[in-house]
């Protein structure tokens, strides 16, 4: 495990290496590191901006070479569009980097947790400030899930079918999906950012207490049915508190008519 001092050292070393690359115009730090890392398990999240789209691949290749010299356990490259890449890098001490590489024109703000840590031209800061203003003016700042109410009810119906078939593995999958939709609505209720959200311990304590009680005591049809019943009531209560999502009468009737036993 790494120490906060180790993480700071790797952070500075990385920014210095990026500063040397001519195709890199700027670097934006994201996440909890902007205001002080949450704990010793926190990752280093960066957006690396190039001046043009043509510089992205060259920057990506040089960044990969830099991380390969840090003796990583793994470097995973992902491509999200023609000119947007992501490296997930895990070092031997378990320190994780999440580094996206993209042209300056594609920079965006998805949460208030960002800070420009390198800007060779001043244009990266200008772009981020423009994006931050647009983000701040949004009525709904974080991405929403299209229709968690329908998806929850649909999974509830499928769970009932699989319990009748005694297909407990599939029933467990449906129960877990129902939990996911419940978390989505609760996170939105608390104005949490859904994108890569994992700070579930920050959700309302009363909600979490009931949510944790929805895990079955044993893997039997009866126990799964009991869990589904508790989760149904929690979901209904959570949706009722939402200013974004609603449960129409048809869906409510489907839930009330379906008695899982």
Protein backbone atom coordinates (compact mmCIF):
# COMPACT_ATOMS: atom_id res chain seq x y z
CA UNK A 1 0.00 0.00 0.00
CA UNK A 2 1.20 3.50 -0.76
CA UNK A 3 1.48 6.42 1.65
CA UNK A 4 0.10 9.92 0.98
CA UNK A 5 3.72 11.01 0.52
CA UNK A 6 4.23 8.32 -2.14
CA UNK A 7 1.08 9.43 -3.95
CA UNK A 8 2.16 13.08 -3.93
CA UNK A 9 5.55 12.07 -5.26
CA UNK A 10 4.05 10.07 -8.14
CA UNK A 11 1.60 12.89 -8.87
CA UNK A 12 4.36 15.50 -9.17
CA UNK A 13 6.52 13.13 -11.18
CA UNK A 14 3.68 12.52 -13.61
CA UNK A 15 2.86 16.21 -14.09
CA UNK A 16 6.55 16.98 -14.66
CA UNK A 17 6.74 14.24 -17.30
CA UNK A 18 3.62 15.55 -19.04
CA UNK A 19 5.01 19.08 -18.99
CA UNK A 20 7.98 17.94 -21.05
CA UNK A 21 5.82 16.47 -23.83
CA UNK A 22 5.39 19.09 -26.59
CA UNK A 23 2.02 17.71 -27.69
CA UNK A 24 0.55 18.12 -24.18
CA UNK A 25 -1.01 21.56 -23.68
CA UNK A 26 -2.36 21.14 -20.18
CA UNK A 27 -3.43 18.82 -17.37
CA UNK A 28 -6.56 18.93 -15.23
CA UNK A 29 -6.76 17.07 -11.93
CA UNK A 30 -10.15 15.54 -11.08
CA UNK A 31 -11.82 13.98 -8.06
CA UNK A 32 -11.11 14.14 -4.36
CA UNK A 33 -7.45 15.02 -4.88
CA UNK A 34 -8.53 18.53 -5.85
CA UNK A 35 -9.61 19.36 -2.29
CA UNK A 36 -7.59 16.75 -0.40
CA UNK A 37 -7.76 13.03 -1.01
CA UNK A 38 -10.51 11.18 0.83
CA UNK A 39 -8.13 8.59 2.27
CA UNK A 40 -5.02 6.52 1.57
CA UNK A 41 -6.95 4.44 -0.98
CA UNK A 42 -7.79 7.35 -3.29
CA UNK A 43 -6.71 7.28 -6.95
CA UNK A 44 -5.04 9.95 -9.05
CA UNK A 45 -7.44 11.15 -11.76
CA UNK A 46 -6.18 13.37 -14.57
CA UNK A 47 -7.36 14.79 -17.91
CA UNK A 48 -4.51 15.43 -20.32
CA UNK A 49 -5.35 17.97 -23.02
CA UNK A 50 -3.66 18.36 -26.39
CA UNK A 51 -3.92 21.44 -28.58
CA UNK A 52 -5.37 19.56 -31.54
CA UNK A 53 -6.97 16.24 -32.36
CA UNK A 54 -3.89 15.27 -34.36
CA UNK A 55 -1.74 15.39 -31.21
CA UNK A 56 -3.82 12.92 -29.19
CA UNK A 57 -2.31 9.65 -30.43
CA UNK A 58 1.25 10.93 -30.04
CA UNK A 59 0.51 12.10 -26.51
CA UNK A 60 -1.13 8.78 -25.70
CA UNK A 61 1.88 6.78 -26.88
CA UNK A 62 4.31 8.92 -24.89
CA UNK A 63 2.16 8.73 -21.76
CA UNK A 64 1.97 4.96 -22.05
CA UNK A 65 5.76 4.84 -22.31
CA UNK A 66 6.10 6.97 -19.17
CA UNK A 67 3.81 4.73 -17.14
CA UNK A 68 5.50 1.59 -18.43
CA UNK A 69 8.71 2.84 -16.80
CA UNK A 70 7.02 2.97 -13.38
CA UNK A 71 6.89 -0.85 -13.17
CA UNK A 72 3.09 -1.08 -13.27
CA UNK A 73 1.14 -4.23 -12.54
CA UNK A 74 -1.10 -3.40 -15.48
CA UNK A 75 -1.80 -0.66 -18.00
CA UNK A 76 -5.26 -0.89 -19.55
CA UNK A 77 -6.03 1.32 -22.53
CA UNK A 78 -9.62 2.20 -23.42
CA UNK A 79 -10.90 4.23 -26.35
CA UNK A 80 -14.20 6.10 -26.01
CA UNK A 81 -14.23 7.88 -29.35
CA UNK A 82 -11.84 8.61 -32.20
CA UNK A 83 -9.82 11.11 -30.15
CA UNK A 84 -10.56 10.27 -26.50
CA UNK A 85 -8.54 7.63 -24.67
CA UNK A 86 -8.23 6.46 -21.09
CA UNK A 87 -5.39 4.71 -19.30
CA UNK A 88 -6.06 2.77 -16.12
CA UNK A 89 -2.68 2.18 -14.51
CA UNK A 90 -2.12 0.19 -11.32
CA UNK A 91 1.33 0.27 -9.76
CA UNK A 92 2.93 -2.42 -7.63
CA UNK A 93 2.06 -0.49 -4.45
CA UNK A 94 -1.65 -0.50 -5.53
CA UNK A 95 -1.68 3.18 -6.43
CA UNK A 96 -4.11 3.66 -9.33
CA UNK A 97 -4.05 6.30 -12.05
CA UNK A 98 -7.00 7.11 -14.30
CA UNK A 99 -5.70 9.31 -17.08
CA UNK A 100 -7.78 10.45 -20.01
CA UNK A 101 -6.15 11.96 -23.11
CA UNK A 102 -8.24 14.21 -25.33
CA UNK A 103 -8.04 17.42 -27.39
CA UNK A 104 -8.65 20.68 -25.55
CA UNK A 105 -11.86 21.19 -27.53
CA UNK A 106 -13.32 18.03 -25.89
CA UNK A 107 -12.63 19.08 -22.29
CA UNK A 108 -15.76 19.15 -20.15
CA UNK A 109 -16.82 19.65 -16.54
CA UNK A 110 -18.93 16.96 -14.90
CA UNK A 111 -18.45 17.91 -11.26
CA UNK A 112 -17.05 20.83 -9.25
CA UNK A 113 -14.01 18.74 -8.32
CA UNK A 114 -11.45 19.87 -10.91
CA UNK A 115 -8.28 21.91 -10.93
CA UNK A 116 -5.92 22.92 -13.74
CA UNK A 117 -2.43 21.84 -12.68
CA UNK A 118 -0.63 22.53 -15.97
CA UNK A 119 -1.51 25.06 -18.66
CA UNK A 120 1.14 26.05 -21.19
CA UNK A 121 -1.04 28.47 -23.17
CA UNK A 122 -3.79 29.61 -20.80
CA UNK A 123 -6.35 28.12 -23.16
CA UNK A 124 -6.96 25.00 -21.04
CA UNK A 125 -7.99 27.13 -18.07
CA UNK A 126 -10.17 29.27 -20.32
CA UNK A 127 -11.91 26.18 -21.72
CA UNK A 128 -12.46 24.66 -18.27
CA UNK A 129 -13.88 27.91 -16.89
CA UNK A 130 -16.31 28.09 -19.82
CA UNK A 131 -17.37 24.47 -19.25
CA UNK A 132 -17.68 25.06 -15.51
CA UNK A 133 -20.02 27.98 -16.09
CA UNK A 134 -22.23 25.80 -18.29
CA UNK A 135 -22.15 23.04 -15.66
CA UNK A 136 -23.07 25.46 -12.87
CA UNK A 137 -26.05 26.77 -14.83
CA UNK A 138 -27.53 23.32 -15.41
CA UNK A 139 -30.72 22.64 -13.49
CA UNK A 140 -29.83 18.93 -13.39
CA UNK A 141 -26.07 18.83 -13.12
CA UNK A 142 -25.44 15.12 -13.27
CA UNK A 143 -26.41 12.53 -15.83
CA UNK A 144 -29.69 10.81 -15.10
CA UNK A 145 -30.74 7.25 -15.77
CA UNK A 146 -33.48 7.04 -18.39
CA UNK A 147 -36.23 5.14 -16.53
CA UNK A 148 -35.17 3.33 -13.34
CA UNK A 149 -38.81 2.91 -12.24
CA UNK A 150 -39.69 0.78 -15.26
CA UNK A 151 -36.41 -1.16 -15.05
CA UNK A 152 -36.98 -1.89 -11.37
CA UNK A 153 -40.50 -3.20 -11.97
CA UNK A 154 -39.34 -5.23 -14.97
CA UNK A 155 -36.62 -6.88 -12.87
CA UNK A 156 -39.17 -7.48 -10.09
CA UNK A 157 -41.43 -9.34 -12.51
CA UNK A 158 -38.54 -11.40 -13.87
CA UNK A 159 -37.42 -12.19 -10.32
CA UNK A 160 -40.85 -13.60 -9.58
CA UNK A 161 -40.69 -15.83 -12.65
CA UNK A 162 -37.24 -17.15 -11.81
CA UNK A 163 -38.20 -17.89 -8.22
CA UNK A 164 -41.13 -19.93 -9.50
CA UNK A 165 -38.63 -21.82 -11.66
CA UNK A 166 -36.34 -22.19 -8.65
CA UNK A 167 -33.63 -20.51 -10.73
CA UNK A 168 -31.93 -18.87 -7.76
CA UNK A 169 -28.84 -17.63 -9.60
CA UNK A 170 -30.87 -15.62 -12.11
CA UNK A 171 -33.16 -14.43 -9.32
CA UNK A 172 -30.13 -13.12 -7.46
CA UNK A 173 -29.04 -11.23 -10.56
CA UNK A 174 -32.45 -9.58 -10.79
CA UNK A 175 -32.35 -8.68 -7.09
CA UNK A 176 -28.96 -7.05 -7.55
CA UNK A 177 -30.21 -5.09 -10.56
CA UNK A 178 -33.12 -3.83 -8.45
CA UNK A 179 -30.63 -2.64 -5.84
CA UNK A 180 -28.69 -0.79 -8.54
CA UNK A 181 -31.79 1.10 -9.69
CA UNK A 182 -32.60 1.97 -6.09
CA UNK A 183 -29.10 3.37 -5.58
CA UNK A 184 -29.39 5.41 -8.78
CA UNK A 185 -32.55 7.15 -7.57
CA UNK A 186 -31.19 7.74 -4.08
CA UNK A 187 -27.93 9.15 -5.44
CA UNK A 188 -29.91 11.55 -7.61
CA UNK A 189 -32.07 12.50 -4.64
CA UNK A 190 -28.90 13.51 -2.81
CA UNK A 191 -27.50 15.32 -5.87
CA UNK A 192 -24.63 12.87 -6.25
CA UNK A 193 -22.72 12.44 -9.48
CA UNK A 194 -23.69 9.12 -11.06
CA UNK A 195 -20.67 8.96 -13.37
CA UNK A 196 -18.22 6.58 -11.67
CA UNK A 197 -19.99 7.19 -8.34
CA UNK A 198 -18.74 4.91 -5.59
CA UNK A 199 -19.00 6.95 -2.39
CA UNK A 200 -22.02 4.96 -1.24
CA UNK A 201 -21.00 5.43 2.38
CA UNK A 202 -21.87 9.12 1.96
CA UNK A 203 -25.55 8.36 1.29
CA UNK A 204 -28.21 8.93 3.94
CA UNK A 205 -27.66 6.62 6.93
CA UNK A 206 -31.33 5.65 7.29
CA UNK A 207 -31.44 4.71 3.60
CA UNK A 208 -28.25 2.65 3.90
CA UNK A 209 -29.53 0.79 6.93
CA UNK A 210 -32.64 -0.39 5.08
CA UNK A 211 -30.69 -0.99 1.86
CA UNK A 212 -28.25 -3.33 3.60
CA UNK A 213 -31.16 -5.24 5.12
CA UNK A 214 -32.28 -6.22 1.61
CA UNK A 215 -29.47 -8.75 1.28
CA UNK A 216 -30.88 -12.24 1.84
CA UNK A 217 -30.00 -14.10 5.02
CA UNK A 218 -29.75 -17.30 3.04
CA UNK A 219 -29.92 -18.30 -0.62
CA UNK A 220 -33.41 -19.76 -0.66
CA UNK A 221 -36.53 -18.77 -2.53
CA UNK A 222 -38.19 -17.58 0.69
CA UNK A 223 -35.25 -15.43 1.70
CA UNK A 224 -34.95 -13.89 -1.77
CA UNK A 225 -38.65 -13.12 -1.77
CA UNK A 226 -38.36 -11.43 1.63
CA UNK A 227 -35.45 -9.34 0.38
CA UNK A 228 -37.40 -8.35 -2.73
CA UNK A 229 -40.34 -7.25 -0.61
CA UNK A 230 -38.19 -4.98 1.57
CA UNK A 231 -36.42 -3.60 -1.50
CA UNK A 232 -39.73 -2.87 -3.21
CA UNK A 233 -40.89 -0.71 -0.30
CA UNK A 234 -37.53 1.06 -0.17
CA UNK A 235 -37.63 1.78 -3.89
CA UNK A 236 -41.17 3.16 -3.72
CA UNK A 237 -40.21 5.42 -0.83
CA UNK A 238 -37.07 6.57 -2.64
CA UNK A 239 -38.94 7.37 -5.86
CA UNK A 240 -41.57 9.28 -3.90
CA UNK A 241 -38.81 11.60 -2.66
CA UNK A 242 -37.44 12.19 -6.16
CA UNK A 243 -37.89 15.43 -8.06
CA UNK A 244 -36.74 13.73 -11.29
CA UNK A 245 -38.30 10.27 -11.37
CA UNK A 246 -41.89 9.16 -10.88
CA UNK A 247 -43.72 5.87 -10.60
CA UNK A 248 -46.87 5.98 -12.71
CA UNK A 249 -50.06 4.15 -11.70
CA UNK A 250 -49.47 1.32 -14.17
CA UNK A 251 -46.10 0.50 -12.63
CA UNK A 252 -47.46 0.86 -9.11
CA UNK A 253 -50.24 -1.56 -9.93
CA UNK A 254 -47.78 -4.05 -11.39
CA UNK A 255 -45.79 -3.95 -8.18
CA UNK A 256 -48.79 -4.20 -5.90
CA UNK A 257 -50.37 -7.00 -7.92
CA UNK A 258 -47.21 -9.06 -8.00
CA UNK A 259 -46.92 -10.89 -4.68
CA UNK A 260 -43.62 -12.71 -4.71
CA UNK A 261 -43.74 -15.78 -2.51
